[in-house]
Amino acid sequence: MSIRRIAIALIAAPLFLTPFAASADDGAQIAQGLCFACHQAGMNGAPKFGNKVAWAPRVAQGKDKLYENSIKGLRGMPPKGGGASLTDDQVKAAVDYLVKGSGGYPQ
């Protein structure tokens, strides 16, 4: 994925991701429209979507820690993945989508 495509995704995201009550479908839309810029290719150390091995240590930390890191940012990931206009619930829905597609939370 090119730097240009990432920049476009980060710039365009606030234009179409306005605050609303987040659902699983919204999580998918947000993840595919914003998070995949890094998580599809594994850029900058981001765990690749669908890679259970890469996600396992993160999931093992628990939902609350995943949510916190995603909302506040961590290492190369900016707060809310660069989607500054996202609500915390929208970020959580996107995280849940990414985790579900990468092995899921422990039962």
PDB file of N, CA and C in Angstrom:
ATOM      1  N   MET A   1       0.850  -1.164   0.000  1.00  0.00           N
ATOM      2  CA  MET A   1       0.000   0.000   0.000  1.00  0.00           C
ATOM      3  C   MET A   1       0.900   1.232   0.000  1.00  0.00           C
ATOM      4  N   SER A   2       0.585   2.179  -0.836  1.00  0.00           N
ATOM      5  CA  SER A   2       1.434   3.349  -0.985  1.00  0.00           C
ATOM      6  C   SER A   2       1.156   4.392   0.097  1.00  0.00           C
ATOM      7  N   ILE A   3       2.116   5.221   0.334  1.00  0.00           N
ATOM      8  CA  ILE A   3       1.969   6.325   1.283  1.00  0.00           C
ATOM      9  C   ILE A   3       0.817   7.223   0.839  1.00  0.00           C
ATOM     10  N   ARG A   4       0.690   7.415  -0.444  1.00  0.00           N
ATOM     11  CA  ARG A   4      -0.380   8.274  -0.975  1.00  0.00           C
ATOM     12  C   ARG A   4      -1.755   7.719  -0.606  1.00  0.00           C
ATOM     13  N   ARG A   5      -1.939   6.399  -0.751  1.00  0.00           N
ATOM     14  CA  ARG A   5      -3.240   5.784  -0.415  1.00  0.00           C
ATOM     15  C   ARG A   5      -3.526   5.912   1.074  1.00  0.00           C
ATOM     16  N   ILE A   6      -2.508   5.760   1.897  1.00  0.00           N
ATOM     17  CA  ILE A   6      -2.688   5.907   3.342  1.00  0.00           C
ATOM     18  C   ILE A   6      -3.072   7.341   3.671  1.00  0.00           C
ATOM     19  N   ALA A   7      -2.372   8.291   3.082  1.00  0.00           N
ATOM     20  CA  ALA A   7      -2.671   9.700   3.330  1.00  0.00           C
ATOM     21  C   ALA A   7      -4.092  10.039   2.908  1.00  0.00           C
ATOM     22  N   ILE A   8      -4.511   9.538   1.772  1.00  0.00           N
ATOM     23  CA  ILE A   8      -5.882   9.787   1.303  1.00  0.00           C
ATOM     24  C   ILE A   8      -6.882   9.189   2.278  1.00  0.00           C
ATOM     25  N   ALA A   9      -6.630   7.975   2.752  1.00  0.00           N
ATOM     26  CA  ALA A   9      -7.540   7.333   3.706  1.00  0.00           C
ATOM     27  C   ALA A   9      -7.635   8.135   4.992  1.00  0.00           C
ATOM     28  N   LEU A  10      -6.507   8.609   5.485  1.00  0.00           N
ATOM     29  CA  LEU A  10      -6.501   9.366   6.736  1.00  0.00           C
ATOM     30  C   LEU A  10      -7.169  10.725   6.581  1.00  0.00           C
ATOM     31  N   ILE A  11      -7.006  11.334   5.434  1.00  0.00           N
ATOM     32  CA  ILE A  11      -7.625  12.637   5.189  1.00  0.00           C
ATOM     33  C   ILE A  11      -9.122  12.489   4.939  1.00  0.00           C
ATOM     34  N   ALA A  12      -9.514  11.474   4.197  1.00  0.00           N
ATOM     35  CA  ALA A  12     -10.916  11.312   3.816  1.00  0.00           C
ATOM     36  C   ALA A  12     -11.773  10.729   4.927  1.00  0.00           C
ATOM     37  N   ALA A  13     -11.197   9.967   5.826  1.00  0.00           N
ATOM     38  CA  ALA A  13     -11.984   9.282   6.857  1.00  0.00           C
ATOM     39  C   ALA A  13     -12.926  10.201   7.629  1.00  0.00           C
ATOM     40  N   PRO A  14     -12.458  11.349   8.130  1.00  0.00           N
ATOM     41  CA  PRO A  14     -13.375  12.203   8.884  1.00  0.00           C
ATOM     42  C   PRO A  14     -14.540  12.719   8.061  1.00  0.00           C
ATOM     43  N   LEU A  15     -14.402  12.736   6.751  1.00  0.00           N
ATOM     44  CA  LEU A  15     -15.476  13.227   5.899  1.00  0.00           C
ATOM     45  C   LEU A  15     -16.652  12.277   5.831  1.00  0.00           C
ATOM     46  N   PHE A  16     -16.397  10.969   5.964  1.00  0.00           N
ATOM     47  CA  PHE A  16     -17.505  10.022   5.860  1.00  0.00           C
ATOM     48  C   PHE A  16     -17.762   9.249   7.142  1.00  0.00           C
ATOM     49  N   LEU A  17     -16.951   9.414   8.143  1.00  0.00           N
ATOM     50  CA  LEU A  17     -17.150   8.732   9.413  1.00  0.00           C
ATOM     51  C   LEU A  17     -17.597   9.737  10.466  1.00  0.00           C
ATOM     52  N   THR A  18     -18.876  10.029  10.460  1.00  0.00           N
ATOM     53  CA  THR A  18     -19.415  10.972  11.423  1.00  0.00           C
ATOM     54  C   THR A  18     -19.932  10.225  12.640  1.00  0.00           C
ATOM     55  N   PRO A  19     -20.003  10.890  13.802  1.00  0.00           N
ATOM     56  CA  PRO A  19     -20.436  10.203  15.019  1.00  0.00           C
ATOM     57  C   PRO A  19     -21.847   9.626  14.904  1.00  0.00           C
ATOM     58  N   PHE A  20     -22.008   8.399  15.354  1.00  0.00           N
ATOM     59  CA  PHE A  20     -23.292   7.725  15.427  1.00  0.00           C
ATOM     60  C   PHE A  20     -23.129   6.524  16.334  1.00  0.00           C
ATOM     61  N   ALA A  21     -24.227   5.912  16.748  1.00  0.00           N
ATOM     62  CA  ALA A  21     -24.150   4.720  17.589  1.00  0.00           C
ATOM     63  C   ALA A  21     -23.538   3.595  16.769  1.00  0.00           C
ATOM     64  N   ALA A  22     -22.455   3.049  17.253  1.00  0.00           N
ATOM     65  CA  ALA A  22     -21.694   2.064  16.488  1.00  0.00           C
ATOM     66  C   ALA A  22     -22.305   0.673  16.586  1.00  0.00           C
ATOM     67  N   SER A  23     -22.313  -0.038  15.471  1.00  0.00           N
ATOM     68  CA  SER A  23     -22.763  -1.426  15.425  1.00  0.00           C
ATOM     69  C   SER A  23     -21.646  -2.262  14.795  1.00  0.00           C
ATOM     70  N   ALA A  24     -21.868  -3.568  14.743  1.00  0.00           N
ATOM     71  CA  ALA A  24     -20.875  -4.447  14.116  1.00  0.00           C
ATOM     72  C   ALA A  24     -20.668  -4.070  12.647  1.00  0.00           C
ATOM     73  N   ASP A  25     -21.754  -3.713  11.953  1.00  0.00           N
ATOM     74  CA  ASP A  25     -21.627  -3.300  10.554  1.00  0.00           C
ATOM     75  C   ASP A  25     -20.795  -2.035  10.434  1.00  0.00           C
ATOM     76  N   ASP A  26     -20.978  -1.118  11.392  1.00  0.00           N
ATOM     77  CA  ASP A  26     -20.193   0.116  11.388  1.00  0.00           C
ATOM     78  C   ASP A  26     -18.720  -0.203  11.620  1.00  0.00           C
ATOM     79  N   GLY A  27     -18.453  -1.154  12.507  1.00  0.00           N
ATOM     80  CA  GLY A  27     -17.075  -1.565  12.766  1.00  0.00           C
ATOM     81  C   GLY A  27     -16.403  -2.068  11.505  1.00  0.00           C
ATOM     82  N   ALA A  28     -17.139  -2.843  10.729  1.00  0.00           N
ATOM     83  CA  ALA A  28     -16.596  -3.357   9.466  1.00  0.00           C
ATOM     84  C   ALA A  28     -16.312  -2.211   8.506  1.00  0.00           C
ATOM     85  N   GLN A  29     -17.238  -1.281   8.394  1.00  0.00           N
ATOM     86  CA  GLN A  29     -17.065  -0.141   7.484  1.00  0.00           C
ATOM     87  C   GLN A  29     -15.860   0.701   7.893  1.00  0.00           C
ATOM     88  N   ILE A  30     -15.743   0.967   9.179  1.00  0.00           N
ATOM     89  CA  ILE A  30     -14.626   1.777   9.672  1.00  0.00           C
ATOM     90  C   ILE A  30     -13.300   1.050   9.453  1.00  0.00           C
ATOM     91  N   ALA A  31     -13.260  -0.220   9.820  1.00  0.00           N
ATOM     92  CA  ALA A  31     -12.020  -0.995   9.678  1.00  0.00           C
ATOM     93  C   ALA A  31     -11.597  -1.066   8.215  1.00  0.00           C
ATOM     94  N   GLN A  32     -12.539  -1.356   7.335  1.00  0.00           N
ATOM     95  CA  GLN A  32     -12.210  -1.471   5.915  1.00  0.00           C
ATOM     96  C   GLN A  32     -11.853  -0.124   5.306  1.00  0.00           C
ATOM     97  N   GLY A  33     -12.446   0.951   5.809  1.00  0.00           N
ATOM     98  CA  GLY A  33     -12.201   2.268   5.244  1.00  0.00           C
ATOM     99  C   GLY A  33     -11.000   2.990   5.828  1.00  0.00           C
ATOM    100  N   LEU A  34     -10.587   2.614   7.032  1.00  0.00           N
ATOM    101  CA  LEU A  34      -9.510   3.340   7.692  1.00  0.00           C
ATOM    102  C   LEU A  34      -8.409   2.400   8.188  1.00  0.00           C
ATOM    103  N   CYS A  35      -8.783   1.430   8.991  1.00  0.00           N
ATOM    104  CA  CYS A  35      -7.798   0.566   9.657  1.00  0.00           C
ATOM    105  C   CYS A  35      -7.014  -0.305   8.681  1.00  0.00           C
ATOM    106  N   PHE A  36      -7.672  -0.725   7.603  1.00  0.00           N
ATOM    107  CA  PHE A  36      -7.002  -1.594   6.645  1.00  0.00           C
ATOM    108  C   PHE A  36      -5.822  -0.910   5.964  1.00  0.00           C
ATOM    109  N   ALA A  37      -5.756   0.417   6.014  1.00  0.00           N
ATOM    110  CA  ALA A  37      -4.626   1.123   5.416  1.00  0.00           C
ATOM    111  C   ALA A  37      -3.316   0.564   5.968  1.00  0.00           C
ATOM    112  N   CYS A  38      -3.317   0.172   7.238  1.00  0.00           N
ATOM    113  CA  CYS A  38      -2.116  -0.427   7.845  1.00  0.00           C
ATOM    114  C   CYS A  38      -2.304  -1.908   8.171  1.00  0.00           C
ATOM    115  N   HIS A  39      -3.491  -2.271   8.657  1.00  0.00           N
ATOM    116  CA  HIS A  39      -3.692  -3.641   9.136  1.00  0.00           C
ATOM    117  C   HIS A  39      -3.868  -4.670   8.024  1.00  0.00           C
ATOM    118  N   GLN A  40      -4.144  -4.253   6.815  1.00  0.00           N
ATOM    119  CA  GLN A  40      -4.234  -5.225   5.723  1.00  0.00           C
ATOM    120  C   GLN A  40      -2.844  -5.651   5.262  1.00  0.00           C
ATOM    121  N   ALA A  41      -1.913  -4.713   5.264  1.00  0.00           N
ATOM    122  CA  ALA A  41      -0.556  -5.010   4.796  1.00  0.00           C
ATOM    123  C   ALA A  41       0.429  -5.246   5.938  1.00  0.00           C
ATOM    124  N   GLY A  42       0.021  -4.950   7.164  1.00  0.00           N
ATOM    125  CA  GLY A  42       0.926  -5.095   8.299  1.00  0.00           C
ATOM    126  C   GLY A  42       1.974  -3.995   8.358  1.00  0.00           C
ATOM    127  N   MET A  43       1.604  -2.809   7.942  1.00  0.00           N
ATOM    128  CA  MET A  43       2.555  -1.693   7.910  1.00  0.00           C
ATOM    129  C   MET A  43       2.936  -1.227   9.309  1.00  0.00           C
ATOM    130  N   ASN A  44       4.181  -0.822   9.467  1.00  0.00           N
ATOM    131  CA  ASN A  44       4.691  -0.245  10.710  1.00  0.00           C
ATOM    132  C   ASN A  44       4.443  -1.128  11.926  1.00  0.00           C
ATOM    133  N   GLY A  45       4.468  -2.427  11.732  1.00  0.00           N
ATOM    134  CA  GLY A  45       4.288  -3.351  12.843  1.00  0.00           C
ATOM    135  C   GLY A  45       2.844  -3.638  13.208  1.00  0.00           C
ATOM    136  N   ALA A  46       1.905  -3.115  12.447  1.00  0.00           N
ATOM    137  CA  ALA A  46       0.484  -3.383  12.716  1.00  0.00           C
ATOM    138  C   ALA A  46       0.198  -4.860  12.449  1.00  0.00           C
ATOM    139  N   PRO A  47      -0.513  -5.529  13.357  1.00  0.00           N
ATOM    140  CA  PRO A  47      -0.848  -6.929  13.083  1.00  0.00           C
ATOM    141  C   PRO A  47      -1.797  -7.015  11.890  1.00  0.00           C
ATOM    142  N   LYS A  48      -1.471  -7.912  10.959  1.00  0.00           N
ATOM    143  CA  LYS A  48      -2.279  -8.053   9.751  1.00  0.00           C
ATOM    144  C   LYS A  48      -3.643  -8.654  10.084  1.00  0.00           C
ATOM    145  N   PHE A  49      -4.662  -8.104   9.437  1.00  0.00           N
ATOM    146  CA  PHE A  49      -6.014  -8.629   9.579  1.00  0.00           C
ATOM    147  C   PHE A  49      -6.027 -10.088   9.141  1.00  0.00           C
ATOM    148  N   GLY A  50      -6.585 -10.946   9.978  1.00  0.00           N
ATOM    149  CA  GLY A  50      -6.680 -12.367   9.672  1.00  0.00           C
ATOM    150  C   GLY A  50      -5.521 -13.197  10.197  1.00  0.00           C
ATOM    151  N   ASN A  51      -4.464 -12.559  10.703  1.00  0.00           N
ATOM    152  CA  ASN A  51      -3.292 -13.278  11.192  1.00  0.00           C
ATOM    153  C   ASN A  51      -3.462 -13.577  12.687  1.00  0.00           C
ATOM    154  N   LYS A  52      -3.948 -14.774  12.990  1.00  0.00           N
ATOM    155  CA  LYS A  52      -4.230 -15.158  14.377  1.00  0.00           C
ATOM    156  C   LYS A  52      -2.991 -15.100  15.257  1.00  0.00           C
ATOM    157  N   VAL A  53      -1.849 -15.498  14.716  1.00  0.00           N
ATOM    158  CA  VAL A  53      -0.604 -15.514  15.493  1.00  0.00           C
ATOM    159  C   VAL A  53      -0.204 -14.093  15.893  1.00  0.00           C
ATOM    160  N   ALA A  54      -0.295 -13.157  14.958  1.00  0.00           N
ATOM    161  CA  ALA A  54       0.084 -11.767  15.242  1.00  0.00           C
ATOM    162  C   ALA A  54      -0.868 -11.110  16.239  1.00  0.00           C
ATOM    163  N   TRP A  55      -2.146 -11.474  16.178  1.00  0.00           N
ATOM    164  CA  TRP A  55      -3.140 -10.858  17.060  1.00  0.00           C
ATOM    165  C   TRP A  55      -3.181 -11.492  18.448  1.00  0.00           C
ATOM    166  N   ALA A  56      -2.763 -12.748  18.571  1.00  0.00           N
ATOM    167  CA  ALA A  56      -2.902 -13.482  19.840  1.00  0.00           C
ATOM    168  C   ALA A  56      -2.336 -12.749  21.056  1.00  0.00           C
ATOM    169  N   PRO A  57      -1.106 -12.227  21.018  1.00  0.00           N
ATOM    170  CA  PRO A  57      -0.590 -11.544  22.218  1.00  0.00           C
ATOM    171  C   PRO A  57      -1.358 -10.271  22.551  1.00  0.00           C
ATOM    172  N   ARG A  58      -1.887  -9.622  21.545  1.00  0.00           N
ATOM    173  CA  ARG A  58      -2.670  -8.404  21.778  1.00  0.00           C
ATOM    174  C   ARG A  58      -4.018  -8.753  22.383  1.00  0.00           C
ATOM    175  N   VAL A  59      -4.654  -9.770  21.834  1.00  0.00           N
ATOM    176  CA  VAL A  59      -5.951 -10.208  22.347  1.00  0.00           C
ATOM    177  C   VAL A  59      -5.810 -10.718  23.774  1.00  0.00           C
ATOM    178  N   ALA A  60      -4.686 -11.354  24.072  1.00  0.00           N
ATOM    179  CA  ALA A  60      -4.448 -11.892  25.414  1.00  0.00           C
ATOM    180  C   ALA A  60      -4.411 -10.782  26.470  1.00  0.00           C
ATOM    181  N   GLN A  61      -4.122  -9.558  26.063  1.00  0.00           N
ATOM    182  CA  GLN A  61      -4.121  -8.434  27.002  1.00  0.00           C
ATOM    183  C   GLN A  61      -5.527  -8.015  27.411  1.00  0.00           C
ATOM    184  N   GLY A  62      -6.515  -8.465  26.672  1.00  0.00           N
ATOM    185  CA  GLY A  62      -7.908  -8.158  26.988  1.00  0.00           C
ATOM    186  C   GLY A  62      -8.476  -7.022  26.152  1.00  0.00           C
ATOM    187  N   LYS A  63      -9.807  -7.034  26.059  1.00  0.00           N
ATOM    188  CA  LYS A  63     -10.517  -6.029  25.274  1.00  0.00           C
ATOM    189  C   LYS A  63     -10.199  -4.612  25.722  1.00  0.00           C
ATOM    190  N   ASP A  64     -10.240  -4.409  27.037  1.00  0.00           N
ATOM    191  CA  ASP A  64     -10.045  -3.048  27.547  1.00  0.00           C
ATOM    192  C   ASP A  64      -8.701  -2.465  27.127  1.00  0.00           C
ATOM    193  N   LYS A  65      -7.652  -3.277  27.153  1.00  0.00           N
ATOM    194  CA  LYS A  65      -6.321  -2.804  26.745  1.00  0.00           C
ATOM    195  C   LYS A  65      -6.277  -2.545  25.237  1.00  0.00           C
ATOM    196  N   LEU A  66      -6.896  -3.423  24.451  1.00  0.00           N
ATOM    197  CA  LEU A  66      -6.965  -3.202  23.004  1.00  0.00           C
ATOM    198  C   LEU A  66      -7.704  -1.902  22.700  1.00  0.00           C
ATOM    199  N   TYR A  67      -8.828  -1.705  23.374  1.00  0.00           N
ATOM    200  CA  TYR A  67      -9.601  -0.480  23.166  1.00  0.00           C
ATOM    201  C   TYR A  67      -8.768   0.746  23.544  1.00  0.00           C
ATOM    202  N   GLU A  68      -8.128   0.689  24.714  1.00  0.00           N
ATOM    203  CA  GLU A  68      -7.317   1.817  25.189  1.00  0.00           C
ATOM    204  C   GLU A  68      -6.207   2.156  24.193  1.00  0.00           C
ATOM    205  N   ASN A  69      -5.479   1.145  23.744  1.00  0.00           N
ATOM    206  CA  ASN A  69      -4.393   1.379  22.794  1.00  0.00           C
ATOM    207  C   ASN A  69      -4.905   1.946  21.473  1.00  0.00           C
ATOM    208  N   SER A  70      -6.065   1.480  21.047  1.00  0.00           N
ATOM    209  CA  SER A  70      -6.629   1.941  19.780  1.00  0.00           C
ATOM    210  C   SER A  70      -7.145   3.372  19.887  1.00  0.00           C
ATOM    211  N   ILE A  71      -7.709   3.714  21.012  1.00  0.00           N
ATOM    212  CA  ILE A  71      -8.244   5.057  21.213  1.00  0.00           C
ATOM    213  C   ILE A  71      -7.125   6.063  21.445  1.00  0.00           C
ATOM    214  N   LYS A  72      -6.146   5.698  22.254  1.00  0.00           N
ATOM    215  CA  LYS A  72      -5.059   6.623  22.596  1.00  0.00           C
ATOM    216  C   LYS A  72      -3.899   6.602  21.598  1.00  0.00           C
ATOM    217  N   GLY A  73      -3.779   5.523  20.841  1.00  0.00           N
ATOM    218  CA  GLY A  73      -2.664   5.357  19.929  1.00  0.00           C
ATOM    219  C   GLY A  73      -1.547   4.571  20.592  1.00  0.00           C
ATOM    220  N   LEU A  74      -0.725   3.946  19.783  1.00  0.00           N
ATOM    221  CA  LEU A  74       0.363   3.131  20.300  1.00  0.00           C
ATOM    222  C   LEU A  74       1.448   3.012  19.238  1.00  0.00           C
ATOM    223  N   ARG A  75       2.680   3.314  19.631  1.00  0.00           N
ATOM    224  CA  ARG A  75       3.824   3.274  18.719  1.00  0.00           C
ATOM    225  C   ARG A  75       3.494   4.030  17.423  1.00  0.00           C
ATOM    226  N   GLY A  76       3.465   3.359  16.293  1.00  0.00           N
ATOM    227  CA  GLY A  76       3.228   4.030  15.014  1.00  0.00           C
ATOM    228  C   GLY A  76       1.773   4.323  14.712  1.00  0.00           C
ATOM    229  N   MET A  77       0.855   3.834  15.537  1.00  0.00           N
ATOM    230  CA  MET A  77      -0.572   4.070  15.275  1.00  0.00           C
ATOM    231  C   MET A  77      -1.027   5.334  15.991  1.00  0.00           C
ATOM    232  N   PRO A  78      -1.569   6.292  15.244  1.00  0.00           N
ATOM    233  CA  PRO A  78      -2.057   7.504  15.892  1.00  0.00           C
ATOM    234  C   PRO A  78      -3.352   7.221  16.673  1.00  0.00           C
ATOM    235  N   PRO A  79      -3.720   8.124  17.578  1.00  0.00           N
ATOM    236  CA  PRO A  79      -4.990   7.947  18.283  1.00  0.00           C
ATOM    237  C   PRO A  79      -6.137   7.717  17.294  1.00  0.00           C
ATOM    238  N   LYS A  80      -6.975   6.767  17.652  1.00  0.00           N
ATOM    239  CA  LYS A  80      -8.143   6.401  16.839  1.00  0.00           C
ATOM    240  C   LYS A  80      -7.756   6.056  15.406  1.00  0.00           C
ATOM    241  N   GLY A  81      -6.534   5.545  15.242  1.00  0.00           N
ATOM    242  CA  GLY A  81      -6.061   5.140  13.921  1.00  0.00           C
ATOM    243  C   GLY A  81      -6.015   6.273  12.922  1.00  0.00           C
ATOM    244  N   GLY A  82      -6.016   7.512  13.416  1.00  0.00           N
ATOM    245  CA  GLY A  82      -6.010   8.680  12.536  1.00  0.00           C
ATOM    246  C   GLY A  82      -7.395   9.210  12.248  1.00  0.00           C
ATOM    247  N   GLY A  83      -8.431   8.517  12.722  1.00  0.00           N
ATOM    248  CA  GLY A  83      -9.810   8.966  12.523  1.00  0.00           C
ATOM    249  C   GLY A  83     -10.265   9.816  13.694  1.00  0.00           C
ATOM    250  N   ALA A  84      -9.750  11.031  13.788  1.00  0.00           N
ATOM    251  CA  ALA A  84      -9.985  11.891  14.950  1.00  0.00           C
ATOM    252  C   ALA A  84     -11.462  12.150  15.228  1.00  0.00           C
ATOM    253  N   SER A  85     -12.304  12.095  14.223  1.00  0.00           N
ATOM    254  CA  SER A  85     -13.730  12.368  14.435  1.00  0.00           C
ATOM    255  C   SER A  85     -14.504  11.153  14.926  1.00  0.00           C
ATOM    256  N   LEU A  86     -13.854   9.997  14.996  1.00  0.00           N
ATOM    257  CA  LEU A  86     -14.531   8.789  15.466  1.00  0.00           C
ATOM    258  C   LEU A  86     -14.832   8.883  16.947  1.00  0.00           C
ATOM    259  N   THR A  87     -15.967   8.334  17.339  1.00  0.00           N
ATOM    260  CA  THR A  87     -16.278   8.216  18.761  1.00  0.00           C
ATOM    261  C   THR A  87     -15.526   7.004  19.313  1.00  0.00           C
ATOM    262  N   ASP A  88     -15.412   6.942  20.621  1.00  0.00           N
ATOM    263  CA  ASP A  88     -14.782   5.774  21.231  1.00  0.00           C
ATOM    264  C   ASP A  88     -15.529   4.499  20.870  1.00  0.00           C
ATOM    265  N   ASP A  89     -16.863   4.558  20.832  1.00  0.00           N
ATOM    266  CA  ASP A  89     -17.652   3.367  20.474  1.00  0.00           C
ATOM    267  C   ASP A  89     -17.393   2.923  19.045  1.00  0.00           C
ATOM    268  N   GLN A  90     -17.159   3.848  18.157  1.00  0.00           N
ATOM    269  CA  GLN A  90     -16.849   3.491  16.770  1.00  0.00           C
ATOM    270  C   GLN A  90     -15.485   2.802  16.688  1.00  0.00           C
ATOM    271  N   VAL A  91     -14.519   3.314  17.442  1.00  0.00           N
ATOM    272  CA  VAL A  91     -13.199   2.685  17.470  1.00  0.00           C
ATOM    273  C   VAL A  91     -13.318   1.274  18.035  1.00  0.00           C
ATOM    274  N   LYS A  92     -14.082   1.111  19.101  1.00  0.00           N
ATOM    275  CA  LYS A  92     -14.274  -0.209  19.712  1.00  0.00           C
ATOM    276  C   LYS A  92     -14.926  -1.172  18.725  1.00  0.00           C
ATOM    277  N   ALA A  93     -15.898  -0.691  17.957  1.00  0.00           N
ATOM    278  CA  ALA A  93     -16.555  -1.548  16.962  1.00  0.00           C
ATOM    279  C   ALA A  93     -15.554  -1.989  15.884  1.00  0.00           C
ATOM    280  N   ALA A  94     -14.671  -1.082  15.472  1.00  0.00           N
ATOM    281  CA  ALA A  94     -13.651  -1.430  14.473  1.00  0.00           C
ATOM    282  C   ALA A  94     -12.666  -2.438  15.047  1.00  0.00           C
ATOM    283  N   VAL A  95     -12.260  -2.244  16.301  1.00  0.00           N
ATOM    284  CA  VAL A  95     -11.355  -3.194  16.965  1.00  0.00           C
ATOM    285  C   VAL A  95     -12.011  -4.563  17.026  1.00  0.00           C
ATOM    286  N   ASP A  96     -13.267  -4.607  17.422  1.00  0.00           N
ATOM    287  CA  ASP A  96     -13.980  -5.888  17.513  1.00  0.00           C
ATOM    288  C   ASP A  96     -14.036  -6.584  16.157  1.00  0.00           C
ATOM    289  N   TYR A  97     -14.240  -5.824  15.102  1.00  0.00           N
ATOM    290  CA  TYR A  97     -14.255  -6.400  13.751  1.00  0.00           C
ATOM    291  C   TYR A  97     -12.885  -6.988  13.401  1.00  0.00           C
ATOM    292  N   LEU A  98     -11.823  -6.227  13.663  1.00  0.00           N
ATOM    293  CA  LEU A  98     -10.477  -6.710  13.366  1.00  0.00           C
ATOM    294  C   LEU A  98     -10.157  -7.976  14.153  1.00  0.00           C
ATOM    295  N   VAL A  99     -10.505  -7.981  15.435  1.00  0.00           N
ATOM    296  CA  VAL A  99     -10.230  -9.146  16.286  1.00  0.00           C
ATOM    297  C   VAL A  99     -11.047 -10.351  15.836  1.00  0.00           C
ATOM    298  N   LYS A 100     -12.314 -10.131  15.550  1.00  0.00           N
ATOM    299  CA  LYS A 100     -13.184 -11.235  15.109  1.00  0.00           C
ATOM    300  C   LYS A 100     -12.632 -11.890  13.834  1.00  0.00           C
ATOM    301  N   GLY A 101     -12.134 -11.070  12.933  1.00  0.00           N
ATOM    302  CA  GLY A 101     -11.581 -11.581  11.684  1.00  0.00           C
ATOM    303  C   GLY A 101     -10.174 -12.152  11.831  1.00  0.00           C
ATOM    304  N   SER A 102      -9.644 -12.088  13.033  1.00  0.00           N
ATOM    305  CA  SER A 102      -8.269 -12.542  13.276  1.00  0.00           C
ATOM    306  C   SER A 102      -8.206 -13.547  14.420  1.00  0.00           C
ATOM    307  N   GLY A 103      -9.274 -14.311  14.572  1.00  0.00           N
ATOM    308  CA  GLY A 103      -9.289 -15.366  15.585  1.00  0.00           C
ATOM    309  C   GLY A 103     -10.261 -15.138  16.709  1.00  0.00           C
ATOM    310  N   GLY A 104     -10.650 -13.902  16.949  1.00  0.00           N
ATOM    311  CA  GLY A 104     -11.648 -13.604  17.954  1.00  0.00           C
ATOM    312  C   GLY A 104     -11.112 -13.519  19.364  1.00  0.00           C
ATOM    313  N   TYR A 105     -11.989 -13.102  20.256  1.00  0.00           N
ATOM    314  CA  TYR A 105     -11.678 -13.025  21.686  1.00  0.00           C
ATOM    315  C   TYR A 105     -11.833 -14.419  22.291  1.00  0.00           C
ATOM    316  N   PRO A 106     -11.086 -14.713  23.350  1.00  0.00           N
ATOM    317  CA  PRO A 106     -11.260 -16.014  24.027  1.00  0.00           C
ATOM    318  C   PRO A 106     -12.672 -16.113  24.602  1.00  0.00           C
ATOM    319  N   GLN A 107     -13.181 -17.311  24.619  1.00  0.00           N
ATOM    320  CA  GLN A 107     -14.539 -17.537  25.162  1.00  0.00           C
ATOM    321  C   GLN A 107     -14.524 -17.602  26.651  1.00  0.00           C
TER     322      GLN A 107
END
